[in-house]
Amino acid sequence: MLYQLSYGGAGASLAAPALTSCVEIAHGLRRLTGLSFRAHPGPLLIPRCSSVHTFGMRVALDLVWLDSDWRVVRVDRAVPPRRVRGCRGAWGVLELPCLSRPSRQASRA
């Protein structure tokens, strides 16, 4: 199931274009596999989730942890493959393919 999210950003004017992206909502088996084993992963929202793994990933992930009111609790950037991350108090997580290269420090985590 795909949903479209738009975000104009803080202080965006009406003339400024909004960032728009289609987001898949994870259900069933997709909740377990997440973005793993996908050639071209896109944004995936996993509701009712407070921990994820990156086993099977080909790229690093940016993880945006959300509370039940859809506010950002924490952001984990450039989480490399074969890792486990969790966030206490998170209602869900938005998994995104990392847009920047992971730093050396992040890849050692």
Protein backbone atom coordinates (compact mmCIF):
# COMPACT_ATOMS: atom_id res chain seq x y z
CA MET A 1 0.00 0.00 0.00
CA LEU A 2 1.49 3.36 -0.99
CA TYR A 3 0.73 6.72 0.58
CA GLN A 4 1.94 10.12 -0.49
CA LEU A 5 3.54 12.40 2.08
CA SER A 6 4.34 16.05 1.49
CA TYR A 7 6.60 18.27 3.53
CA GLY A 8 7.26 21.89 2.81
CA GLY A 9 9.83 22.31 5.57
CA ALA A 10 10.08 24.87 8.32
CA GLY A 11 9.53 28.37 7.04
CA ALA A 12 8.59 27.20 3.55
CA SER A 13 6.66 29.74 1.53
CA LEU A 14 3.71 28.89 -0.69
CA ALA A 15 5.94 29.45 -3.71
CA ALA A 16 8.50 26.89 -2.50
CA PRO A 17 7.90 23.36 -3.82
CA ALA A 18 7.15 20.70 -1.20
CA LEU A 19 9.17 17.53 -0.89
CA THR A 20 6.84 14.73 -1.96
CA SER A 21 7.50 11.03 -1.76
CA CYS A 22 5.46 7.83 -1.91
CA VAL A 23 5.78 5.76 1.24
CA GLU A 24 4.90 2.09 1.55
CA ILE A 25 3.21 0.99 4.78
CA ALA A 26 4.60 -2.34 6.02
CA HIS A 27 2.13 -5.16 6.71
CA GLY A 28 2.58 -8.91 7.13
CA LEU A 29 5.91 -10.32 5.93
CA ARG A 30 7.13 -6.85 4.88
CA ARG A 31 7.23 -5.93 8.60
CA LEU A 32 9.90 -8.62 9.12
CA THR A 33 11.96 -8.03 5.98
CA GLY A 34 11.62 -4.23 5.76
CA LEU A 35 13.76 -2.91 2.91
CA SER A 36 16.01 -6.01 2.91
CA PHE A 37 16.70 -7.83 -0.34
CA ARG A 38 15.24 -5.07 -2.54
CA ALA A 39 17.25 -3.85 -5.50
CA HIS A 40 15.92 -0.26 -5.34
CA PRO A 41 14.45 0.32 -1.87
CA GLY A 42 12.14 3.28 -1.29
CA PRO A 43 10.71 4.77 1.91
CA LEU A 44 8.94 2.25 4.18
CA LEU A 45 6.89 3.06 7.28
CA ILE A 46 6.73 0.27 9.86
CA PRO A 47 3.96 1.07 12.38
CA ARG A 48 3.95 -0.32 15.94
CA CYS A 49 7.70 -0.94 15.79
CA SER A 50 10.44 0.14 18.21
CA SER A 51 13.39 -1.88 16.84
CA VAL A 52 14.68 -2.90 13.42
CA HIS A 53 17.58 -4.81 11.86
CA THR A 54 19.55 -4.11 8.70
CA PHE A 55 20.46 -7.73 7.89
CA GLY A 56 20.11 -8.35 4.15
CA MET A 57 20.49 -4.66 3.29
CA ARG A 58 22.74 -3.62 0.41
CA VAL A 59 22.88 0.03 1.45
CA ALA A 60 22.97 1.99 4.70
CA LEU A 61 19.64 3.23 6.06
CA ASP A 62 18.41 6.43 7.63
CA LEU A 63 15.90 5.57 10.38
CA VAL A 64 13.35 8.17 11.48
CA TRP A 65 11.71 7.10 14.75
CA LEU A 66 8.18 8.46 15.31
CA ASP A 67 5.91 8.66 18.35
CA SER A 68 2.18 7.96 18.22
CA ASP A 69 1.49 11.59 17.22
CA TRP A 70 3.90 11.28 14.24
CA ARG A 71 6.51 13.52 15.86
CA VAL A 72 10.14 12.65 15.29
CA VAL A 73 11.65 11.07 18.40
CA ARG A 74 15.12 10.38 16.99
CA VAL A 75 16.95 10.01 13.69
CA ASP A 76 19.68 7.41 13.14
CA ARG A 77 21.67 8.31 10.03
CA ALA A 78 23.66 5.96 7.81
CA VAL A 79 23.02 2.76 9.77
CA PRO A 80 25.17 0.17 7.94
CA PRO A 81 24.05 -3.36 7.01
CA ARG A 82 24.08 -6.14 9.65
CA ARG A 83 23.08 -3.91 12.59
CA VAL A 84 20.18 -3.77 15.08
CA ARG A 85 18.72 -0.45 16.22
CA GLY A 86 15.92 0.39 18.64
CA CYS A 87 14.30 3.45 20.10
CA ARG A 88 12.49 3.42 23.43
CA GLY A 89 9.15 5.20 23.22
CA ALA A 90 8.89 4.97 19.43
CA TRP A 91 5.54 4.03 17.92
CA GLY A 92 6.96 3.37 14.48
CA VAL A 93 9.92 3.89 12.19
CA LEU A 94 10.38 5.27 8.70
CA GLU A 95 13.17 3.41 6.87
CA LEU A 96 14.87 5.36 4.09
CA PRO A 97 17.85 4.45 1.91
CA CYS A 98 20.74 6.61 3.09
CA LEU A 99 21.27 9.62 0.84
CA SER A 100 24.80 10.31 2.03
CA ARG A 101 27.81 8.07 2.45
CA PRO A 102 28.23 6.65 5.95
CA SER A 103 31.06 8.08 7.98
CA ARG A 104 33.82 5.82 9.26
CA GLN A 105 32.57 6.28 12.80
CA ALA A 106 28.99 5.27 11.87
CA SER A 107 30.17 2.16 10.01
CA ARG A 108 32.01 0.92 13.13
CA ALA A 109 28.89 1.16 15.32
